[in-house]
């Protein structure tokens, strides 16, 4: 596949992702990453003899290639454009310690990050590293910009022609028992109730 086709497919996928994110959210928060600084070459390390020592540039080259291939900056630009077109806002937050801060106790420790897992060294909270960082970015945006989170009520469907009551829970009757009958001594009770058997019909509970 040619380089031009790869760029076109990447761009089309980023537009699809941007529309999907903005459509499902009232606001979008992203890390204000300095991409150019992240892709800078490692500083050379000189020895006493004047020769240069390994500085990790070989591994950094692979990371730079992955960053360029992901096109984080282009995706952020598309998110900002789609959000503005939809009348929504995109907020940029400080990216420092977002992947090292626990969302439960707010303890900051780089040792808490273990690859794709996050295990807090203070409270023991376990979560996915990416999900943990996303929660931290969300919290930073709320605190930095003074945002207010409003919980939406679930939409109520249209009235049906046959009204009915909703059941809070359903418990099966013990086999061989009729209504209004308790299980005999020594027989297992139904559901989670050790002494009584219930039957739920049309939303009404009968004991």
N, C-alpha and C. Protein backbone atom coordinates (compact mmCIF):
# COMPACT_ATOMS: atom_id res chain seq x y z
N UNK A 1 0.85 -1.19 0.00
CA UNK A 1 0.00 0.00 0.00
C UNK A 1 0.89 1.24 0.00
N UNK A 2 0.55 2.19 -0.85
CA UNK A 2 1.37 3.39 -0.97
C UNK A 2 1.21 4.30 0.25
N UNK A 3 2.18 5.16 0.43
CA UNK A 3 2.16 6.09 1.57
C UNK A 3 0.96 7.02 1.49
N UNK A 4 0.58 7.42 0.28
CA UNK A 4 -0.56 8.32 0.12
C UNK A 4 -1.86 7.65 0.56
N UNK A 5 -2.04 6.37 0.22
CA UNK A 5 -3.25 5.66 0.63
C UNK A 5 -3.30 5.47 2.14
N UNK A 6 -2.14 5.20 2.74
CA UNK A 6 -2.10 5.06 4.20
C UNK A 6 -2.51 6.36 4.88
N UNK A 7 -2.03 7.48 4.38
CA UNK A 7 -2.40 8.78 4.95
C UNK A 7 -3.89 9.05 4.78
N UNK A 8 -4.44 8.69 3.63
CA UNK A 8 -5.87 8.91 3.40
C UNK A 8 -6.71 8.04 4.34
N UNK A 9 -6.33 6.79 4.51
CA UNK A 9 -7.07 5.91 5.42
C UNK A 9 -6.96 6.38 6.86
N UNK A 10 -5.77 6.81 7.26
CA UNK A 10 -5.58 7.32 8.61
C UNK A 10 -6.44 8.56 8.84
N UNK A 11 -6.44 9.47 7.87
CA UNK A 11 -7.24 10.68 8.01
C UNK A 11 -8.73 10.38 8.07
N UNK A 12 -9.21 9.45 7.24
CA UNK A 12 -10.63 9.09 7.26
C UNK A 12 -11.02 8.46 8.59
N UNK A 13 -10.14 7.61 9.12
CA UNK A 13 -10.42 6.98 10.43
C UNK A 13 -10.44 8.02 11.54
N UNK A 14 -9.55 8.99 11.49
CA UNK A 14 -9.52 10.03 12.52
C UNK A 14 -10.78 10.89 12.46
N UNK A 15 -11.28 11.20 11.27
CA UNK A 15 -12.52 11.95 11.17
C UNK A 15 -13.68 11.15 11.75
N UNK A 16 -13.71 9.86 11.50
CA UNK A 16 -14.76 8.99 12.05
C UNK A 16 -14.68 8.96 13.57
N UNK A 17 -13.48 8.82 14.13
CA UNK A 17 -13.30 8.81 15.58
C UNK A 17 -13.70 10.15 16.19
N UNK A 18 -13.32 11.24 15.55
CA UNK A 18 -13.65 12.58 16.06
C UNK A 18 -15.16 12.79 16.12
N UNK A 19 -15.86 12.42 15.06
CA UNK A 19 -17.32 12.57 15.05
C UNK A 19 -17.97 11.67 16.11
N UNK A 20 -17.46 10.47 16.28
CA UNK A 20 -18.02 9.55 17.26
C UNK A 20 -17.86 10.08 18.68
N UNK A 21 -16.68 10.62 19.00
CA UNK A 21 -16.42 11.14 20.34
C UNK A 21 -17.28 12.37 20.62
N UNK A 22 -17.33 13.29 19.69
CA UNK A 22 -18.08 14.54 19.90
C UNK A 22 -19.57 14.26 19.97
N UNK A 23 -20.05 13.32 19.17
CA UNK A 23 -21.48 13.01 19.16
C UNK A 23 -21.94 12.43 20.50
N UNK A 24 -21.09 11.69 21.18
CA UNK A 24 -21.46 11.06 22.44
C UNK A 24 -21.19 11.93 23.66
N UNK A 25 -20.56 13.09 23.48
CA UNK A 25 -20.15 13.91 24.63
C UNK A 25 -20.63 15.34 24.49
N UNK A 26 -20.79 16.01 25.63
CA UNK A 26 -21.12 17.43 25.63
C UNK A 26 -19.87 18.29 25.58
N UNK A 27 -18.74 17.74 25.99
CA UNK A 27 -17.46 18.43 25.94
C UNK A 27 -16.36 17.38 25.85
N UNK A 28 -15.22 17.77 25.33
CA UNK A 28 -14.10 16.85 25.14
C UNK A 28 -12.87 17.43 25.83
N UNK A 29 -12.16 16.61 26.58
CA UNK A 29 -10.93 17.03 27.26
C UNK A 29 -9.78 16.18 26.76
N UNK A 30 -8.68 16.81 26.41
CA UNK A 30 -7.49 16.11 25.92
C UNK A 30 -6.26 16.65 26.63
N UNK A 31 -5.20 15.85 26.61
CA UNK A 31 -3.93 16.31 27.17
C UNK A 31 -3.27 17.30 26.20
N UNK A 32 -2.75 18.37 26.73
CA UNK A 32 -2.07 19.38 25.91
C UNK A 32 -0.62 18.94 25.70
N UNK A 33 -0.45 17.95 24.85
CA UNK A 33 0.87 17.36 24.62
C UNK A 33 1.71 18.24 23.70
N UNK A 34 2.98 18.33 24.02
CA UNK A 34 3.94 19.03 23.17
C UNK A 34 4.63 17.97 22.29
N UNK A 35 4.03 17.71 21.14
CA UNK A 35 4.48 16.61 20.30
C UNK A 35 5.93 16.81 19.84
N UNK A 36 6.29 18.03 19.47
CA UNK A 36 7.64 18.28 18.99
C UNK A 36 8.69 17.98 20.06
N UNK A 37 8.39 18.37 21.30
CA UNK A 37 9.33 18.10 22.38
C UNK A 37 9.44 16.60 22.66
N UNK A 38 8.32 15.88 22.50
CA UNK A 38 8.35 14.44 22.75
C UNK A 38 9.18 13.70 21.71
N UNK A 39 9.33 14.28 20.52
CA UNK A 39 10.04 13.60 19.44
C UNK A 39 11.47 14.11 19.26
N UNK A 40 11.95 14.93 20.20
CA UNK A 40 13.32 15.42 20.10
C UNK A 40 14.32 14.30 20.33
N UNK A 41 15.49 14.47 19.76
CA UNK A 41 16.56 13.49 19.94
C UNK A 41 17.07 13.51 21.37
N UNK A 42 17.53 12.37 21.83
CA UNK A 42 18.11 12.29 23.17
C UNK A 42 19.44 13.05 23.21
N UNK A 43 19.74 13.65 24.33
CA UNK A 43 20.99 14.38 24.47
C UNK A 43 22.17 13.41 24.47
N UNK A 44 23.25 13.75 23.79
CA UNK A 44 24.42 12.86 23.76
C UNK A 44 25.09 12.77 25.13
N UNK A 45 25.63 11.61 25.42
CA UNK A 45 26.31 11.36 26.69
C UNK A 45 27.78 11.09 26.38
N UNK A 46 28.65 11.99 26.86
CA UNK A 46 30.09 11.87 26.57
C UNK A 46 30.81 11.26 27.77
N UNK A 47 31.78 10.43 27.49
CA UNK A 47 32.59 9.83 28.54
C UNK A 47 33.83 10.66 28.80
N UNK A 48 34.61 10.26 29.77
CA UNK A 48 35.83 11.00 30.10
C UNK A 48 36.87 10.92 28.99
N UNK A 49 36.80 9.87 28.21
CA UNK A 49 37.76 9.70 27.11
C UNK A 49 37.36 10.48 25.86
N UNK A 50 36.21 11.10 25.90
CA UNK A 50 35.76 11.87 24.75
C UNK A 50 34.85 11.10 23.81
N UNK A 51 34.68 9.81 24.05
CA UNK A 51 33.79 9.00 23.23
C UNK A 51 32.35 9.12 23.75
N UNK A 52 31.40 8.95 22.86
CA UNK A 52 29.99 9.07 23.24
C UNK A 52 29.47 7.71 23.70
N UNK A 53 28.72 7.73 24.78
CA UNK A 53 28.13 6.53 25.35
C UNK A 53 26.71 6.35 24.83
N UNK A 54 26.16 5.13 24.90
CA UNK A 54 24.76 4.91 24.47
C UNK A 54 23.80 5.79 25.26
N UNK A 55 22.92 6.47 24.57
CA UNK A 55 21.97 7.38 25.22
C UNK A 55 20.50 6.99 25.00
N UNK A 56 20.26 5.79 24.46
CA UNK A 56 18.89 5.33 24.27
C UNK A 56 18.21 5.86 23.02
N UNK A 57 18.98 6.46 22.11
CA UNK A 57 18.39 7.03 20.91
C UNK A 57 17.81 5.96 19.99
N UNK A 58 18.40 4.76 20.01
CA UNK A 58 17.88 3.69 19.14
C UNK A 58 16.45 3.33 19.54
N UNK A 59 16.19 3.18 20.85
CA UNK A 59 14.83 2.90 21.31
C UNK A 59 13.92 4.10 21.10
N UNK A 60 14.47 5.29 21.28
CA UNK A 60 13.68 6.52 21.11
C UNK A 60 13.24 6.68 19.66
N UNK A 61 14.05 6.19 18.73
CA UNK A 61 13.70 6.29 17.32
C UNK A 61 12.42 5.51 17.03
N UNK A 62 12.30 4.33 17.62
CA UNK A 62 11.08 3.54 17.43
C UNK A 62 9.86 4.22 18.05
N UNK A 63 10.03 4.85 19.23
CA UNK A 63 8.94 5.58 19.87
C UNK A 63 8.51 6.77 19.01
N UNK A 64 9.49 7.49 18.47
CA UNK A 64 9.16 8.63 17.61
C UNK A 64 8.38 8.19 16.38
N UNK A 65 8.74 7.04 15.85
CA UNK A 65 8.03 6.52 14.67
C UNK A 65 6.59 6.18 15.02
N UNK A 66 6.37 5.63 16.21
CA UNK A 66 5.00 5.28 16.64
C UNK A 66 4.17 6.54 16.88
N UNK A 67 4.79 7.58 17.46
CA UNK A 67 4.08 8.84 17.70
C UNK A 67 3.68 9.48 16.37
N UNK A 68 4.61 9.48 15.44
CA UNK A 68 4.30 10.07 14.13
C UNK A 68 3.22 9.28 13.41
N UNK A 69 3.25 7.96 13.54
CA UNK A 69 2.26 7.13 12.86
C UNK A 69 0.87 7.32 13.47
N UNK A 70 0.80 7.56 14.79
CA UNK A 70 -0.51 7.76 15.44
C UNK A 70 -1.13 9.12 15.11
N UNK A 71 -0.30 10.09 14.77
CA UNK A 71 -0.79 11.43 14.39
C UNK A 71 -1.68 12.03 15.47
N UNK A 72 -1.17 12.12 16.68
CA UNK A 72 -1.95 12.67 17.79
C UNK A 72 -2.38 14.12 17.52
N UNK A 73 -1.46 14.90 16.98
CA UNK A 73 -1.77 16.32 16.73
C UNK A 73 -2.90 16.46 15.72
N UNK A 74 -2.85 15.67 14.65
CA UNK A 74 -3.89 15.75 13.62
C UNK A 74 -5.24 15.34 14.20
N UNK A 75 -5.27 14.31 15.05
CA UNK A 75 -6.52 13.88 15.66
C UNK A 75 -7.08 14.97 16.58
N UNK A 76 -6.22 15.63 17.33
CA UNK A 76 -6.67 16.71 18.21
C UNK A 76 -7.25 17.86 17.41
N UNK A 77 -6.61 18.19 16.30
CA UNK A 77 -7.12 19.26 15.44
C UNK A 77 -8.50 18.91 14.88
N UNK A 78 -8.69 17.68 14.49
CA UNK A 78 -10.00 17.25 13.97
C UNK A 78 -11.05 17.28 15.08
N UNK A 79 -10.68 16.84 16.28
CA UNK A 79 -11.60 16.89 17.41
C UNK A 79 -12.04 18.33 17.69
N UNK A 80 -11.10 19.24 17.67
CA UNK A 80 -11.41 20.65 17.94
C UNK A 80 -12.34 21.22 16.87
N UNK A 81 -12.11 20.87 15.62
CA UNK A 81 -12.94 21.37 14.52
C UNK A 81 -14.36 20.82 14.62
N UNK A 82 -14.49 19.50 14.82
CA UNK A 82 -15.82 18.88 14.90
C UNK A 82 -16.58 19.39 16.12
N UNK A 83 -15.89 19.58 17.24
CA UNK A 83 -16.54 20.09 18.45
C UNK A 83 -17.06 21.51 18.23
N UNK A 84 -16.25 22.37 17.63
CA UNK A 84 -16.69 23.74 17.35
C UNK A 84 -17.86 23.77 16.38
N UNK A 85 -17.84 22.90 15.39
CA UNK A 85 -18.93 22.84 14.42
C UNK A 85 -20.22 22.36 15.06
N UNK A 86 -20.11 21.53 16.10
CA UNK A 86 -21.29 21.01 16.80
C UNK A 86 -21.71 21.88 17.97
N UNK A 87 -21.06 23.03 18.16
CA UNK A 87 -21.41 23.91 19.27
C UNK A 87 -20.89 23.43 20.62
N UNK A 88 -19.86 22.59 20.61
CA UNK A 88 -19.29 22.08 21.84
C UNK A 88 -17.85 22.58 21.99
N UNK A 89 -17.25 22.29 23.14
CA UNK A 89 -15.91 22.79 23.41
C UNK A 89 -14.93 21.66 23.65
N UNK A 90 -13.68 21.95 23.30
CA UNK A 90 -12.59 21.04 23.58
C UNK A 90 -11.66 21.71 24.58
N UNK A 91 -11.37 21.03 25.67
CA UNK A 91 -10.53 21.57 26.74
C UNK A 91 -9.20 20.85 26.76
N UNK A 92 -8.13 21.61 26.88
CA UNK A 92 -6.78 21.06 26.98
C UNK A 92 -6.30 21.17 28.42
N UNK A 93 -5.74 20.10 28.93
CA UNK A 93 -5.29 20.07 30.32
C UNK A 93 -3.81 19.72 30.37
N UNK A 94 -3.19 20.03 31.50
CA UNK A 94 -1.78 19.74 31.72
C UNK A 94 -1.58 18.22 31.76
N UNK A 95 -0.70 17.69 30.92
CA UNK A 95 -0.54 16.24 30.87
C UNK A 95 0.35 15.65 31.97
N UNK A 96 0.92 16.48 32.81
CA UNK A 96 1.85 15.97 33.82
C UNK A 96 1.16 15.04 34.82
N UNK A 97 1.75 13.87 35.02
CA UNK A 97 1.33 12.88 36.02
C UNK A 97 -0.07 12.30 35.77
N UNK A 98 -0.62 12.46 34.58
CA UNK A 98 -1.96 11.91 34.34
C UNK A 98 -1.96 10.38 34.39
N UNK A 99 -0.87 9.77 33.98
CA UNK A 99 -0.80 8.31 33.99
C UNK A 99 -0.16 7.75 35.25
N UNK A 100 0.21 8.64 36.19
CA UNK A 100 0.87 8.20 37.42
C UNK A 100 0.05 8.53 38.67
N UNK A 101 -1.12 9.15 38.50
CA UNK A 101 -1.94 9.57 39.62
C UNK A 101 -3.12 8.62 39.80
N UNK A 102 -3.33 8.18 41.02
CA UNK A 102 -4.45 7.29 41.33
C UNK A 102 -5.74 8.10 41.38
N UNK A 103 -6.79 7.60 40.73
CA UNK A 103 -8.07 8.30 40.72
C UNK A 103 -8.83 8.15 42.03
N UNK A 104 -8.40 7.22 42.88
CA UNK A 104 -9.07 7.00 44.16
C UNK A 104 -8.46 7.86 45.27
N UNK A 105 -7.15 7.74 45.48
CA UNK A 105 -6.50 8.46 46.59
C UNK A 105 -5.62 9.61 46.11
N UNK A 106 -5.49 9.79 44.79
CA UNK A 106 -4.69 10.86 44.18
C UNK A 106 -3.21 10.76 44.52
N UNK A 107 -2.76 9.58 44.86
CA UNK A 107 -1.34 9.38 45.13
C UNK A 107 -0.58 9.34 43.81
N UNK A 108 0.55 10.06 43.73
CA UNK A 108 1.34 10.14 42.51
C UNK A 108 2.61 9.31 42.69
N UNK A 109 2.78 8.32 41.82
CA UNK A 109 3.96 7.47 41.88
C UNK A 109 4.12 6.80 40.53
N UNK A 110 5.28 7.00 39.92
CA UNK A 110 5.50 6.39 38.60
C UNK A 110 5.58 4.87 38.68
N UNK A 111 5.84 4.34 39.87
CA UNK A 111 5.89 2.89 40.03
C UNK A 111 4.50 2.26 39.96
N UNK A 112 3.45 3.08 40.08
CA UNK A 112 2.09 2.55 40.00
C UNK A 112 1.75 2.09 38.58
N UNK A 113 2.44 2.65 37.61
CA UNK A 113 2.20 2.30 36.21
C UNK A 113 3.02 1.06 35.85
N UNK A 114 2.32 0.01 35.46
CA UNK A 114 2.97 -1.24 35.10
C UNK A 114 2.47 -1.67 33.72
N UNK A 115 3.06 -1.11 32.69
CA UNK A 115 2.62 -1.42 31.33
C UNK A 115 1.21 -0.93 31.09
N UNK A 116 0.32 -1.85 30.74
CA UNK A 116 -1.08 -1.51 30.49
C UNK A 116 -1.92 -1.56 31.75
N UNK A 117 -1.33 -1.89 32.88
CA UNK A 117 -2.05 -1.95 34.14
C UNK A 117 -1.63 -0.81 35.06
N UNK A 118 -2.55 -0.42 35.94
CA UNK A 118 -2.27 0.60 36.96
C UNK A 118 -2.59 -0.01 38.32
N UNK A 119 -1.55 -0.12 39.16
CA UNK A 119 -1.71 -0.65 40.51
C UNK A 119 -1.16 0.38 41.48
N UNK A 120 -2.03 1.07 42.21
CA UNK A 120 -1.61 2.14 43.11
C UNK A 120 -0.74 1.56 44.23
N UNK A 121 0.41 2.17 44.43
CA UNK A 121 1.32 1.71 45.49
C UNK A 121 0.87 2.19 46.87
N UNK A 122 -0.15 3.06 46.90
CA UNK A 122 -0.62 3.59 48.19
C UNK A 122 -1.87 2.88 48.69
N UNK A 123 -2.91 2.81 47.84
CA UNK A 123 -4.18 2.22 48.28
C UNK A 123 -4.47 0.88 47.62
N UNK A 124 -3.66 0.48 46.64
CA UNK A 124 -3.86 -0.81 46.00
C UNK A 124 -4.92 -0.82 44.92
N UNK A 125 -5.39 0.35 44.50
CA UNK A 125 -6.42 0.41 43.45
C UNK A 125 -5.86 -0.13 42.14
N UNK A 126 -6.63 -1.00 41.47
CA UNK A 126 -6.20 -1.63 40.23
C UNK A 126 -7.13 -1.20 39.10
N UNK A 127 -6.55 -0.80 37.99
CA UNK A 127 -7.35 -0.36 36.86
C UNK A 127 -6.49 -0.43 35.60
N UNK A 128 -7.13 -0.25 34.46
CA UNK A 128 -6.38 -0.15 33.21
C UNK A 128 -5.64 1.18 33.15
N UNK A 129 -4.43 1.17 32.66
CA UNK A 129 -3.61 2.38 32.66
C UNK A 129 -4.24 3.49 31.80
N UNK A 130 -4.76 3.13 30.64
CA UNK A 130 -5.37 4.13 29.76
C UNK A 130 -6.65 4.69 30.35
N UNK A 131 -7.47 3.81 30.93
CA UNK A 131 -8.72 4.25 31.55
C UNK A 131 -8.44 5.13 32.76
N UNK A 132 -7.41 4.78 33.52
CA UNK A 132 -7.02 5.57 34.68
C UNK A 132 -6.59 6.97 34.26
N UNK A 133 -5.78 7.06 33.21
CA UNK A 133 -5.33 8.36 32.72
C UNK A 133 -6.50 9.19 32.18
N UNK A 134 -7.46 8.53 31.52
CA UNK A 134 -8.62 9.24 31.00
C UNK A 134 -9.45 9.85 32.13
N UNK A 135 -9.60 9.11 33.23
CA UNK A 135 -10.32 9.65 34.38
C UNK A 135 -9.61 10.86 34.95
N UNK A 136 -8.28 10.80 34.99
CA UNK A 136 -7.51 11.92 35.51
C UNK A 136 -7.63 13.14 34.61
N UNK A 137 -7.61 12.94 33.30
CA UNK A 137 -7.79 14.06 32.36
C UNK A 137 -9.16 14.70 32.55
N UNK A 138 -10.18 13.87 32.71
CA UNK A 138 -11.54 14.37 32.93
C UNK A 138 -11.61 15.20 34.22
N UNK A 139 -11.01 14.69 35.29
CA UNK A 139 -11.04 15.40 36.56
C UNK A 139 -10.27 16.71 36.48
N UNK A 140 -9.14 16.72 35.78
CA UNK A 140 -8.36 17.94 35.62
C UNK A 140 -9.15 19.00 34.85
N UNK A 141 -9.86 18.58 33.81
CA UNK A 141 -10.65 19.53 33.03
C UNK A 141 -11.76 20.14 33.89
N UNK A 142 -12.41 19.33 34.71
CA UNK A 142 -13.48 19.82 35.57
C UNK A 142 -12.95 20.83 36.58
N UNK A 143 -11.80 20.51 37.19
CA UNK A 143 -11.23 21.38 38.21
C UNK A 143 -10.60 22.63 37.60
N UNK A 144 -9.93 22.51 36.47
CA UNK A 144 -9.22 23.64 35.86
C UNK A 144 -10.17 24.67 35.26
N UNK A 145 -11.25 24.21 34.65
CA UNK A 145 -12.17 25.11 33.95
C UNK A 145 -13.46 25.35 34.73
N UNK A 146 -13.57 24.79 35.93
CA UNK A 146 -14.77 25.00 36.74
C UNK A 146 -16.02 24.46 36.10
N UNK A 147 -15.93 23.30 35.48
CA UNK A 147 -17.08 22.71 34.81
C UNK A 147 -18.04 22.07 35.81
N UNK A 148 -19.29 22.01 35.44
CA UNK A 148 -20.32 21.40 36.28
C UNK A 148 -20.88 20.18 35.56
N UNK A 149 -20.89 19.07 36.25
CA UNK A 149 -21.41 17.83 35.67
C UNK A 149 -22.89 17.70 36.02
N UNK A 150 -23.73 17.60 35.01
CA UNK A 150 -25.17 17.48 35.20
C UNK A 150 -25.58 16.08 34.76
N UNK A 151 -26.21 15.35 35.67
CA UNK A 151 -26.67 14.00 35.35
C UNK A 151 -27.96 14.07 34.56
N UNK A 152 -28.01 13.37 33.47
CA UNK A 152 -29.20 13.36 32.63
C UNK A 152 -30.16 12.27 33.10
N UNK A 153 -31.43 12.60 33.08
CA UNK A 153 -32.44 11.60 33.44
C UNK A 153 -32.71 10.71 32.24
N UNK A 154 -32.99 9.46 32.52
CA UNK A 154 -33.30 8.53 31.45
C UNK A 154 -34.62 8.89 30.78
N UNK A 155 -34.65 8.75 29.47
CA UNK A 155 -35.86 9.05 28.73
C UNK A 155 -36.93 8.01 29.03
N UNK A 156 -38.16 8.49 29.21
CA UNK A 156 -39.28 7.61 29.47
C UNK A 156 -39.99 7.32 28.15
N UNK A 157 -40.21 6.06 27.87
CA UNK A 157 -40.86 5.69 26.62
C UNK A 157 -42.31 6.11 26.57
N UNK A 158 -42.89 6.05 25.41
CA UNK A 158 -44.28 6.42 25.23
C UNK A 158 -45.19 5.41 25.92
N UNK A 159 -46.36 5.90 26.36
CA UNK A 159 -47.32 5.03 27.04
C UNK A 159 -47.80 3.94 26.10
N UNK A 160 -47.80 2.72 26.58
CA UNK A 160 -48.27 1.61 25.77
C UNK A 160 -49.78 1.47 25.92
N UNK A 161 -50.40 0.75 25.01
CA UNK A 161 -51.84 0.55 25.06
C UNK A 161 -52.25 -0.34 26.24
N UNK A 162 -51.35 -1.21 26.68
CA UNK A 162 -51.62 -2.09 27.80
C UNK A 162 -50.70 -1.74 28.96
N UNK A 163 -51.21 -0.94 29.91
CA UNK A 163 -50.35 -0.55 31.03
C UNK A 163 -49.97 -1.76 31.88
N UNK A 164 -48.77 -1.75 32.40
CA UNK A 164 -48.31 -2.84 33.26
C UNK A 164 -47.29 -2.32 34.23
N UNK A 165 -47.11 -3.03 35.32
CA UNK A 165 -46.15 -2.63 36.33
C UNK A 165 -44.83 -3.35 36.10
N UNK A 166 -43.74 -2.66 36.48
CA UNK A 166 -42.43 -3.24 36.35
C UNK A 166 -42.10 -4.05 37.59
N UNK A 167 -41.45 -5.16 37.41
CA UNK A 167 -41.06 -6.02 38.52
C UNK A 167 -39.69 -5.60 39.03
N UNK A 168 -39.56 -5.47 40.33
CA UNK A 168 -38.27 -5.12 40.91
C UNK A 168 -37.32 -6.31 40.86
N UNK A 169 -37.82 -7.49 41.03
CA UNK A 169 -37.01 -8.68 40.92
C UNK A 169 -37.92 -9.87 40.65
N UNK A 170 -37.33 -10.92 40.18
CA UNK A 170 -38.08 -12.13 39.87
C UNK A 170 -37.43 -13.31 40.58
N UNK A 171 -38.23 -14.09 41.24
CA UNK A 171 -37.74 -15.26 41.95
C UNK A 171 -38.60 -16.44 41.59
N UNK A 172 -37.98 -17.53 41.19
CA UNK A 172 -38.74 -18.70 40.79
C UNK A 172 -39.29 -19.42 42.01
N UNK A 173 -40.48 -20.02 41.82
CA UNK A 173 -41.08 -20.81 42.88
C UNK A 173 -40.35 -22.14 43.02
N UNK A 174 -40.32 -22.65 44.21
CA UNK A 174 -39.77 -23.98 44.42
C UNK A 174 -40.68 -24.99 43.75
N UNK A 175 -40.11 -25.94 43.06
CA UNK A 175 -40.92 -26.91 42.32
C UNK A 175 -41.84 -27.67 43.27
N UNK A 176 -43.11 -27.81 42.85
CA UNK A 176 -44.07 -28.60 43.62
C UNK A 176 -44.82 -27.79 44.65
N UNK A 177 -44.52 -26.47 44.77
CA UNK A 177 -45.21 -25.64 45.75
C UNK A 177 -46.24 -24.79 45.05
N UNK A 178 -47.40 -24.62 45.65
CA UNK A 178 -48.43 -23.75 45.11
C UNK A 178 -48.29 -22.38 45.73
N UNK A 179 -49.14 -21.44 45.29
CA UNK A 179 -49.13 -20.10 45.85
C UNK A 179 -49.46 -20.14 47.33
N UNK A 180 -48.93 -19.15 48.07
CA UNK A 180 -49.20 -19.00 49.49
C UNK A 180 -48.74 -20.21 50.31
N UNK A 181 -47.77 -20.95 49.80
CA UNK A 181 -47.29 -22.13 50.51
C UNK A 181 -45.81 -21.97 50.81
N UNK A 182 -45.45 -22.21 52.06
CA UNK A 182 -44.05 -22.15 52.46
C UNK A 182 -43.43 -23.52 52.28
N UNK A 183 -42.14 -23.57 51.97
CA UNK A 183 -41.48 -24.87 51.82
C UNK A 183 -41.44 -25.60 53.15
N UNK A 184 -41.56 -26.89 53.08
CA UNK A 184 -41.55 -27.69 54.30
C UNK A 184 -40.17 -27.69 54.91
N UNK A 185 -40.10 -28.09 56.13
CA UNK A 185 -38.84 -28.08 56.87
C UNK A 185 -37.85 -29.02 56.20
N UNK A 186 -36.66 -28.48 55.98
CA UNK A 186 -35.61 -29.26 55.36
C UNK A 186 -35.54 -29.11 53.86
N UNK A 187 -36.58 -28.56 53.22
CA UNK A 187 -36.54 -28.36 51.77
C UNK A 187 -35.87 -27.05 51.46
N UNK A 188 -35.15 -26.97 50.35
CA UNK A 188 -34.44 -25.73 50.04
C UNK A 188 -35.39 -24.61 49.69
N UNK A 189 -35.10 -23.41 50.16
CA UNK A 189 -35.92 -22.24 49.86
C UNK A 189 -35.55 -21.68 48.50
N UNK A 190 -36.37 -20.77 47.98
CA UNK A 190 -36.16 -20.24 46.65
C UNK A 190 -35.36 -18.95 46.69
N UNK A 191 -34.62 -18.67 45.61
CA UNK A 191 -33.93 -17.40 45.45
C UNK A 191 -32.96 -17.12 46.58
N UNK A 192 -32.99 -15.88 47.08
CA UNK A 192 -32.06 -15.45 48.10
C UNK A 192 -32.70 -15.39 49.47
N UNK A 193 -33.97 -15.77 49.58
CA UNK A 193 -34.67 -15.72 50.85
C UNK A 193 -34.68 -17.13 51.46
N UNK A 194 -34.09 -17.33 52.64
CA UNK A 194 -33.95 -18.68 53.19
C UNK A 194 -35.23 -19.25 53.79
N UNK A 195 -36.25 -18.46 54.10
CA UNK A 195 -37.41 -18.96 54.82
C UNK A 195 -38.71 -18.83 54.06
N UNK A 196 -38.74 -18.08 52.96
CA UNK A 196 -40.00 -17.86 52.26
C UNK A 196 -39.80 -18.00 50.76
N UNK A 197 -40.85 -18.43 50.10
CA UNK A 197 -40.83 -18.52 48.65
C UNK A 197 -41.80 -17.49 48.10
N UNK A 198 -41.34 -16.69 47.13
CA UNK A 198 -42.17 -15.64 46.56
C UNK A 198 -42.42 -15.94 45.09
N UNK A 199 -43.52 -15.39 44.62
CA UNK A 199 -43.81 -15.49 43.20
C UNK A 199 -44.17 -14.10 42.68
N UNK A 200 -43.56 -13.73 41.57
CA UNK A 200 -43.80 -12.41 41.00
C UNK A 200 -44.63 -12.56 39.74
N UNK A 201 -45.78 -11.95 39.73
CA UNK A 201 -46.68 -12.02 38.57
C UNK A 201 -47.32 -10.66 38.35
N UNK A 202 -47.15 -10.13 37.14
CA UNK A 202 -47.73 -8.83 36.78
C UNK A 202 -47.27 -7.74 37.74
N UNK A 203 -46.04 -7.85 38.20
CA UNK A 203 -45.49 -6.80 39.04
C UNK A 203 -45.94 -6.85 40.47
N UNK A 204 -46.81 -7.76 40.85
CA UNK A 204 -47.29 -7.86 42.21
C UNK A 204 -46.64 -9.03 42.91
N UNK A 205 -46.27 -8.84 44.15
CA UNK A 205 -45.63 -9.91 44.93
C UNK A 205 -46.67 -10.60 45.79
N UNK A 206 -46.70 -11.92 45.73
CA UNK A 206 -47.64 -12.68 46.54
C UNK A 206 -46.86 -13.59 47.46
N UNK A 207 -47.19 -13.56 48.70
CA UNK A 207 -46.45 -14.36 49.68
C UNK A 207 -47.22 -15.63 50.00
